[in-house]
Amino acid sequence: MLRSKMPVFAAAALVLSALVALQAQPGPASGYLTPPKVIVDTLDAAPTPTVVVDPTRRMIAIVERKSMPTIADLSQPMYRLAGERINPKTSGPQQRTGATTAITLRTIADGVERKVVVPASPRLGAVSFSPNGKFLSFTQTRADGIDLYVADTATGQSRLLVPDLNATTGDPCDWLESGTALLCHFVPAGRGAEPKAPAVPAGPNIQETAGKAAPAPTFEDLLKTEHDEALFEYYYTSQLALVDVAKGVKTPVGKPGILDEASLSPGNEDHTAAFSTYMRCRRHIEDHHVRLMQLREIAQECGVSEAYLCRLFQRYDRQTPYQFLTRLKMNRAAKLLEDPGRLVKQIAADLSYRDAFHFSRAFKNVFGVSPRGFRETFDDSHLSLPL
């Protein structure tokens, strides 16, 4: 009987020794794991630079950025307010793409290039030429704020103009037609600490309805509580001011308020220059509507801010540049649908949509039917939209 139990004891001792040895081995190193180098190189490869065209058509600005945001970028605090996602430390947008790190000016006539001198640890944004092409403005995001810089396009030398921009609603500055000043949104002086959430709610959250059936909203990050409203008012309140490019002198305009965008009265502006800029941007959209997808792309390639581009279209066209772009795309899509051999996903790819789903949704928003339904229902007399 004793002999029959000996192998069992031996096996148990062997298992116990193995467990002790396993526990004695060091565990895996803490931290992020790195994939094979070929994957790292692929993901870190620099994306195609963005090109901003000087309004005078004499030069371009080549804007380079990193492929992706860093872990430090994604670790920054973020508030989701009224459909926007902002960094409360900077009063600007959350960094969701790779940071812009360099700007190169290239003269179109001879191809001569010069680097724009940028701040250390560059995190640039809102790159825009002045209407006369003499200056290039851009922002630099610090750990706790956003600064405005201006570069001389003849030399590439830049200088800090003013700090403490408020970029929660988008590009914070817009050039005057004269090219001698910018109209900017600033964090109000003496803003104080942000509102704190109450430890105990003062009452229930109340939502009201008109009593009529309506589609459920698909907007993200709507304001839901009184504290959300207080944060929105705190971070989206700006002080408008004119900034003189030569001296950096800031002249406040009006009182602080919640402002989406602002522009000067056109009484002293050159309407001929404004209309010329509008027509140049319109032609650019017409020529490149197949590949263009975002308002930001159009504004950068036209060398103006998004806000100024929208104002030009509202003034001269009564529609937004994005609506104009969409109409051009949908008119082309309707023509392509005449060919029964072309698949919807092929047409979507031809028009630079990421997939057939997003293309079909955009198409239905314009025509009221899906591409397939449009192909089956409408004849040639219905295949275009007024522009």
Protein backbone atom coordinates (compact mmCIF):
# COMPACT_ATOMS: atom_id res chain seq x y z
CA MET A 1 0.00 0.00 0.00
CA LEU A 2 2.89 2.31 0.82
CA ARG A 3 4.52 1.58 -2.52
CA SER A 4 1.37 2.48 -4.44
CA LYS A 5 1.22 5.97 -2.86
CA MET A 6 4.85 6.90 -3.53
CA PRO A 7 4.29 7.98 -7.18
CA VAL A 8 1.42 10.20 -6.09
CA PHE A 9 3.55 11.99 -3.49
CA ALA A 10 6.36 12.34 -6.01
CA ALA A 11 4.01 13.87 -8.58
CA ALA A 12 2.58 16.31 -6.03
CA ALA A 13 6.09 17.39 -5.02
CA LEU A 14 7.01 17.93 -8.67
CA VAL A 15 3.91 20.12 -9.29
CA LEU A 16 4.63 22.13 -6.13
CA SER A 17 8.23 22.72 -7.25
CA ALA A 18 7.03 23.86 -10.66
CA LEU A 19 4.59 26.33 -9.11
CA VAL A 20 7.27 27.76 -6.84
CA ALA A 21 9.64 28.18 -9.81
CA LEU A 22 6.91 29.84 -11.86
CA GLN A 23 6.13 32.31 -9.10
CA ALA A 24 9.82 33.15 -8.77
CA GLN A 25 10.07 34.20 -12.43
CA PRO A 26 9.74 37.95 -13.07
CA GLY A 27 6.44 39.02 -14.64
CA PRO A 28 6.14 40.89 -17.94
CA ALA A 29 7.41 44.45 -17.99
CA SER A 30 4.76 47.07 -17.29
CA GLY A 31 3.89 49.67 -19.91
CA TYR A 32 2.74 49.65 -23.52
CA LEU A 33 3.77 46.84 -25.83
CA THR A 34 5.45 47.79 -29.09
CA PRO A 35 4.37 46.05 -32.30
CA PRO A 36 6.88 44.91 -34.93
CA LYS A 37 8.96 47.69 -36.47
CA VAL A 38 7.24 47.43 -39.85
CA ILE A 39 3.91 48.30 -38.21
CA VAL A 40 5.44 51.16 -36.21
CA ASP A 41 7.04 52.59 -39.34
CA THR A 42 3.75 52.34 -41.23
CA LEU A 43 1.72 54.10 -38.52
CA ASP A 44 4.37 56.76 -37.90
CA ALA A 45 4.84 57.58 -41.59
CA ALA A 46 4.25 61.28 -42.18
CA PRO A 47 0.88 61.99 -43.84
CA THR A 48 0.63 64.01 -47.03
CA PRO A 49 1.19 67.69 -46.17
CA THR A 50 -1.66 70.18 -46.43
CA VAL A 51 -1.18 73.02 -48.91
CA VAL A 52 -2.44 76.54 -48.21
CA VAL A 53 -2.45 78.89 -51.21
CA ASP A 54 -1.55 82.56 -50.86
CA PRO A 55 -4.52 84.74 -51.97
CA THR A 56 -2.23 86.57 -54.39
CA ARG A 57 -1.27 83.20 -55.96
CA ARG A 58 2.45 83.93 -55.51
CA MET A 59 3.30 81.22 -52.98
CA ILE A 60 2.01 78.27 -51.03
CA ALA A 61 2.46 77.15 -47.44
CA ILE A 62 3.23 73.44 -47.02
CA VAL A 63 1.89 72.38 -43.62
CA GLU A 64 3.34 69.20 -42.12
CA ARG A 65 1.91 67.23 -39.21
CA LYS A 66 2.43 64.00 -37.31
CA SER A 67 0.45 60.96 -38.32
CA MET A 68 -1.37 60.52 -35.01
CA PRO A 69 -1.85 62.17 -31.63
CA THR A 70 0.41 61.06 -28.80
CA ILE A 71 -0.73 59.25 -25.67
CA ALA A 72 -0.08 62.50 -23.82
CA ASP A 73 -2.49 64.28 -26.20
CA LEU A 74 -5.22 61.73 -25.61
CA SER A 75 -4.65 61.89 -21.85
CA GLN A 76 -5.53 65.58 -21.70
CA PRO A 77 -8.82 66.50 -19.99
CA MET A 78 -11.81 66.82 -22.29
CA TYR A 79 -15.24 68.38 -21.88
CA ARG A 80 -18.11 67.35 -24.15
CA LEU A 81 -20.25 70.45 -24.50
CA ALA A 82 -22.96 71.19 -27.07
CA GLY A 83 -21.54 68.85 -29.68
CA GLU A 84 -17.97 70.04 -29.24
CA ARG A 85 -15.04 68.44 -27.44
CA ILE A 86 -12.67 70.93 -25.87
CA ASN A 87 -9.57 70.92 -23.70
CA PRO A 88 -10.37 73.06 -20.63
CA LYS A 89 -6.67 73.68 -19.98
CA THR A 90 -6.13 75.43 -23.33
CA SER A 91 -9.61 76.80 -24.17
CA GLY A 92 -9.26 75.06 -27.51
CA PRO A 93 -10.25 71.86 -29.27
CA GLN A 94 -9.21 68.45 -28.06
CA GLN A 95 -6.20 67.18 -30.04
CA ARG A 96 -7.65 64.26 -32.01
CA THR A 97 -5.16 64.24 -34.89
CA GLY A 98 -1.41 64.48 -35.14
CA ALA A 99 -0.10 67.92 -34.26
CA THR A 100 1.08 70.31 -36.97
CA THR A 101 4.83 70.67 -36.53
CA ALA A 102 6.30 72.59 -39.49
CA ILE A 103 5.44 75.13 -42.19
CA THR A 104 7.42 75.65 -45.40
CA LEU A 105 6.82 78.56 -47.78
CA ARG A 106 7.40 77.87 -51.47
CA THR A 107 7.36 80.52 -54.19
CA ILE A 108 5.27 79.26 -57.11
CA ALA A 109 7.25 81.01 -59.85
CA ASP A 110 10.73 79.61 -59.04
CA GLY A 111 10.12 76.90 -56.43
CA VAL A 112 12.34 78.57 -53.82
CA GLU A 113 11.53 77.32 -50.31
CA ARG A 114 12.04 78.82 -46.87
CA LYS A 115 11.14 77.34 -43.52
CA VAL A 116 8.91 79.33 -41.21
CA VAL A 117 10.58 79.73 -37.82
CA VAL A 118 8.15 78.17 -35.33
CA PRO A 119 8.19 77.96 -31.51
CA ALA A 120 9.87 75.12 -29.65
CA SER A 121 7.71 72.00 -29.23
CA PRO A 122 5.44 73.14 -32.07
CA ARG A 123 1.72 72.41 -31.89
CA LEU A 124 0.52 74.68 -34.65
CA GLY A 125 -2.89 75.42 -36.08
CA ALA A 126 -5.13 77.88 -37.95
CA VAL A 127 -2.54 78.58 -40.68
CA SER A 128 -3.74 81.49 -42.82
CA PHE A 129 -2.24 84.04 -45.22
CA SER A 130 -3.11 87.71 -44.98
CA PRO A 131 -5.13 88.90 -48.01
CA ASN A 132 -2.08 90.76 -49.38
CA GLY A 133 0.16 87.70 -48.92
CA LYS A 134 2.72 89.58 -46.82
CA PHE A 135 2.07 87.70 -43.59
CA LEU A 136 1.18 84.21 -42.42
CA SER A 137 -0.66 83.77 -39.13
CA PHE A 138 -0.78 80.58 -37.07
CA THR A 139 -1.53 79.49 -33.54
CA GLN A 140 0.71 77.69 -31.05
CA THR A 141 -0.95 75.58 -28.35
CA ARG A 142 0.80 75.63 -24.99
CA ALA A 143 0.05 73.41 -22.00
CA ASP A 144 -2.30 76.07 -20.64
CA GLY A 145 -3.29 78.30 -23.52
CA ILE A 146 -3.10 79.25 -27.21
CA ASP A 147 -0.90 82.01 -28.67
CA LEU A 148 -1.09 83.88 -31.97
CA TYR A 149 2.05 84.12 -34.11
CA VAL A 150 2.65 86.04 -37.33
CA ALA A 151 5.41 85.29 -39.84
CA ASP A 152 6.86 87.52 -42.55
CA THR A 153 6.44 85.56 -45.79
CA ALA A 154 9.48 87.24 -47.33
CA THR A 155 11.86 85.88 -44.66
CA GLY A 156 10.02 83.15 -42.78
CA GLN A 157 10.77 84.85 -39.45
CA SER A 158 7.89 84.69 -36.99
CA ARG A 159 7.05 86.45 -33.73
CA LEU A 160 4.58 86.07 -30.92
CA LEU A 161 1.80 88.60 -31.42
CA VAL A 162 -0.63 87.98 -28.53
CA PRO A 163 -1.44 85.16 -26.05
CA ASP A 164 -4.67 83.75 -24.57
CA LEU A 165 -6.79 83.08 -27.64
CA ASN A 166 -10.16 81.34 -27.22
CA ALA A 167 -10.48 78.64 -29.89
CA THR A 168 -13.43 76.70 -28.48
CA THR A 169 -15.60 77.59 -31.49
CA GLY A 170 -12.96 77.00 -34.18
CA ASP A 171 -10.29 79.18 -35.78
CA PRO A 172 -9.98 82.12 -33.36
CA CYS A 173 -8.74 84.80 -35.80
CA ASP A 174 -9.75 86.29 -39.11
CA TRP A 175 -7.75 88.70 -41.29
CA LEU A 176 -9.05 92.11 -42.26
CA GLU A 177 -9.03 92.73 -46.00
CA SER A 178 -6.31 95.36 -45.50
CA GLY A 179 -3.92 92.71 -44.13
CA THR A 180 -2.85 95.05 -41.32
CA ALA A 181 -4.87 93.53 -38.45
CA LEU A 182 -6.78 90.47 -37.32
CA LEU A 183 -10.09 90.14 -35.49
CA CYS A 184 -9.65 87.49 -32.76
CA HIS A 185 -11.51 85.77 -29.95
CA PHE A 186 -9.76 85.96 -26.57
CA VAL A 187 -10.25 84.43 -23.15
CA PRO A 188 -11.83 87.29 -21.14
CA ALA A 189 -9.51 88.93 -18.62
CA GLY A 190 -10.22 87.94 -15.05
CA ARG A 191 -12.35 84.97 -16.08
CA GLY A 192 -11.70 83.23 -12.75
CA ALA A 193 -12.08 79.54 -11.89
CA GLU A 194 -14.48 77.30 -13.76
CA PRO A 195 -17.87 76.51 -12.19
CA LYS A 196 -17.81 73.46 -9.94
CA ALA A 197 -20.43 70.75 -10.07
CA PRO A 198 -22.67 70.82 -6.96
CA ALA A 199 -21.97 68.06 -4.46
CA VAL A 200 -25.74 67.57 -4.13
CA PRO A 201 -28.10 68.32 -7.06
CA ALA A 202 -30.44 71.22 -6.38
CA GLY A 203 -33.24 69.42 -8.20
CA PRO A 204 -34.04 66.99 -11.00
CA ASN A 205 -32.97 67.42 -14.62
CA ILE A 206 -36.07 68.52 -16.53
CA GLN A 207 -36.60 67.94 -20.26
CA GLU A 208 -39.57 69.48 -22.03
CA THR A 209 -41.30 68.57 -25.27
CA ALA A 210 -43.87 70.36 -27.40
CA GLY A 211 -45.97 67.22 -27.40
CA LYS A 212 -45.43 66.49 -31.07
CA ALA A 213 -43.79 63.42 -32.52
CA ALA A 214 -40.28 64.10 -33.78
CA PRO A 215 -37.25 62.03 -34.82
CA ALA A 216 -34.83 61.30 -32.01
CA PRO A 217 -31.83 63.69 -32.12
CA THR A 218 -28.57 62.17 -33.30
CA PHE A 219 -26.35 65.00 -32.04
CA GLU A 220 -23.69 63.97 -29.57
CA ASP A 221 -22.77 65.60 -26.29
CA LEU A 222 -25.80 67.86 -25.84
CA LEU A 223 -26.04 69.99 -22.72
CA LYS A 224 -27.90 67.91 -20.13
CA THR A 225 -27.58 69.67 -16.77
CA GLU A 226 -27.35 73.16 -15.31
CA HIS A 227 -23.67 72.49 -14.66
CA ASP A 228 -23.17 71.71 -18.37
CA GLU A 229 -24.80 75.05 -19.18
CA ALA A 230 -22.55 76.85 -16.71
CA LEU A 231 -19.42 75.22 -18.21
CA PHE A 232 -20.58 76.10 -21.72
CA GLU A 233 -21.07 79.75 -20.80
CA TYR A 234 -17.71 79.83 -19.01
CA TYR A 235 -15.59 78.36 -21.81
CA TYR A 236 -17.45 79.74 -24.85
CA THR A 237 -17.56 83.35 -23.64
CA SER A 238 -15.00 85.37 -25.64
CA GLN A 239 -13.72 88.91 -25.79
CA LEU A 240 -13.40 90.17 -29.36
CA ALA A 241 -10.43 92.36 -30.12
CA LEU A 242 -8.60 93.81 -33.11
CA VAL A 243 -4.89 92.97 -33.13
CA ASP A 244 -2.50 95.28 -34.98
CA VAL A 245 0.03 93.17 -36.87
CA ALA A 246 2.83 95.74 -36.75
CA LYS A 247 2.68 96.54 -33.03
CA GLY A 248 0.72 93.66 -31.51
CA VAL A 249 -1.63 96.15 -29.85
CA LYS A 250 -4.96 94.61 -28.85
CA THR A 251 -8.08 96.81 -29.06
CA PRO A 252 -11.20 95.27 -27.43
CA VAL A 253 -14.41 95.28 -29.47
CA GLY A 254 -17.62 95.35 -27.43
CA LYS A 255 -18.18 93.28 -24.30
CA PRO A 256 -17.49 89.58 -23.69
CA GLY A 257 -20.21 87.23 -24.88
CA ILE A 258 -20.91 83.76 -26.27
CA LEU A 259 -19.91 84.22 -29.91
CA ASP A 260 -19.87 81.67 -32.70
CA GLU A 261 -18.19 83.96 -35.22
CA ALA A 262 -17.77 87.67 -35.85
CA SER A 263 -16.84 89.91 -38.77
CA LEU A 264 -16.35 93.62 -39.30
CA SER A 265 -18.83 95.75 -41.15
CA PRO A 266 -17.84 95.70 -44.84
CA GLY A 267 -18.17 99.49 -45.12
CA ASN A 268 -14.42 100.05 -45.26
CA GLU A 269 -13.45 96.81 -46.99
CA ASP A 270 -12.57 96.41 -50.62
CA HIS A 271 -15.61 94.61 -52.08
CA THR A 272 -13.76 93.94 -55.31
CA ALA A 273 -11.09 92.01 -53.40
CA ALA A 274 -13.71 90.12 -51.34
CA PHE A 275 -15.68 89.10 -54.43
CA SER A 276 -12.48 88.09 -56.21
CA THR A 277 -11.60 85.84 -53.25
CA TYR A 278 -15.10 84.35 -53.31
CA MET A 279 -14.91 83.56 -57.03
CA ARG A 280 -11.43 82.07 -56.66
CA CYS A 281 -12.64 79.76 -53.86
CA ARG A 282 -15.79 78.85 -55.79
CA ARG A 283 -13.76 77.88 -58.85
CA HIS A 284 -11.41 75.86 -56.65
CA ILE A 285 -14.35 73.88 -55.27
CA GLU A 286 -15.72 73.32 -58.78
CA ASP A 287 -12.34 72.12 -60.05
CA HIS A 288 -11.61 69.80 -57.11
CA HIS A 289 -15.03 68.80 -55.75
CA VAL A 290 -14.39 65.13 -56.46
CA ARG A 291 -11.60 64.87 -53.86
CA LEU A 292 -12.61 67.64 -51.42
CA MET A 293 -14.61 66.50 -48.40
CA GLN A 294 -14.27 69.02 -45.56
CA LEU A 295 -14.68 72.75 -45.09
CA ARG A 296 -11.27 72.83 -43.44
CA GLU A 297 -9.63 71.49 -46.62
CA ILE A 298 -11.32 74.12 -48.80
CA ALA A 299 -10.36 76.99 -46.50
CA GLN A 300 -6.73 75.89 -46.20
CA GLU A 301 -6.28 75.40 -49.93
CA CYS A 302 -7.88 78.78 -50.63
CA GLY A 303 -5.68 80.47 -48.03
CA VAL A 304 -8.52 81.89 -45.90
CA SER A 305 -10.09 80.99 -42.57
CA GLU A 306 -13.18 78.79 -42.39
CA ALA A 307 -15.23 81.62 -40.88
CA TYR A 308 -14.26 84.10 -43.62
CA LEU A 309 -14.96 81.55 -46.37
CA CYS A 310 -18.45 80.94 -44.95
CA ARG A 311 -19.12 84.68 -44.79
CA LEU A 312 -18.09 85.12 -48.42
CA PHE A 313 -20.52 82.40 -49.55
CA GLN A 314 -23.33 83.77 -47.40
CA ARG A 315 -22.73 87.25 -48.82
CA TYR A 316 -22.51 86.33 -52.48
CA ASP A 317 -24.21 82.94 -52.78
CA ARG A 318 -26.69 82.54 -49.90
CA GLN A 319 -25.38 79.06 -49.14
CA THR A 320 -22.41 77.62 -47.29
CA PRO A 321 -19.33 76.38 -49.16
CA TYR A 322 -20.06 72.87 -47.85
CA GLN A 323 -23.59 72.99 -49.30
CA PHE A 324 -22.13 74.08 -52.63
CA LEU A 325 -19.60 71.24 -52.51
CA THR A 326 -22.31 68.70 -51.67
CA ARG A 327 -24.51 69.86 -54.56
CA LEU A 328 -21.61 69.46 -56.98
CA LYS A 329 -20.92 65.95 -55.70
CA MET A 330 -24.56 64.91 -55.84
CA ASN A 331 -25.01 66.25 -59.38
CA ARG A 332 -22.03 64.19 -60.48
CA ALA A 333 -23.38 61.18 -58.59
CA ALA A 334 -26.72 61.48 -60.32
CA LYS A 335 -25.02 61.47 -63.71
CA LEU A 336 -22.92 58.46 -62.77
CA LEU A 337 -26.06 56.59 -61.68
CA GLU A 338 -27.28 56.75 -65.29
CA ASP A 339 -24.82 53.95 -66.02
CA PRO A 340 -26.53 50.78 -64.72
CA GLY A 341 -23.21 48.97 -64.73
CA ARG A 342 -21.64 51.21 -62.08
CA LEU A 343 -22.02 49.97 -58.52
CA VAL A 344 -22.98 52.40 -55.76
CA LYS A 345 -19.77 51.63 -53.89
CA GLN A 346 -17.76 52.50 -57.02
CA ILE A 347 -19.50 55.88 -57.28
CA ALA A 348 -18.90 56.47 -53.57
CA ALA A 349 -15.17 55.82 -54.04
CA ASP A 350 -15.07 58.04 -57.15
CA LEU A 351 -16.44 60.94 -55.07
CA SER A 352 -14.02 60.32 -52.15
CA TYR A 353 -16.60 59.04 -49.67
CA ARG A 354 -15.19 56.58 -47.17
CA ASP A 355 -17.81 53.93 -48.02
CA ALA A 356 -21.15 53.37 -49.74
CA PHE A 357 -23.09 53.93 -46.51
CA HIS A 358 -21.90 57.51 -45.98
CA PHE A 359 -22.37 58.32 -49.66
CA SER A 360 -25.91 56.89 -49.68
CA ARG A 361 -26.83 58.86 -46.57
CA ALA A 362 -25.55 62.11 -48.12
CA PHE A 363 -27.36 61.34 -51.36
CA LYS A 364 -30.65 60.65 -49.58
CA ASN A 365 -30.35 63.90 -47.60
CA VAL A 366 -30.26 65.79 -50.91
CA PHE A 367 -32.64 63.86 -53.15
CA GLY A 368 -34.89 62.25 -50.54
CA VAL A 369 -34.27 58.73 -51.85
CA SER A 370 -31.38 56.30 -51.82
CA PRO A 371 -29.10 56.01 -54.88
CA ARG A 372 -30.81 52.74 -55.79
CA GLY A 373 -34.26 54.28 -55.43
CA PHE A 374 -33.13 57.30 -57.44
CA ARG A 375 -31.87 55.05 -60.21
CA GLU A 376 -35.20 53.19 -60.33
CA THR A 377 -37.53 56.19 -60.00
CA PHE A 378 -36.17 59.27 -61.71
CA ASP A 379 -35.66 59.95 -65.39
CA ASP A 380 -33.01 62.16 -66.95
CA SER A 381 -35.02 65.34 -66.38
CA HIS A 382 -34.47 65.06 -62.63
CA LEU A 383 -30.76 64.38 -62.59
CA SER A 384 -29.35 67.73 -61.48
CA LEU A 385 -29.62 70.30 -58.72
CA PRO A 386 -29.45 74.09 -59.12
CA LEU A 387 -26.08 75.45 -57.96
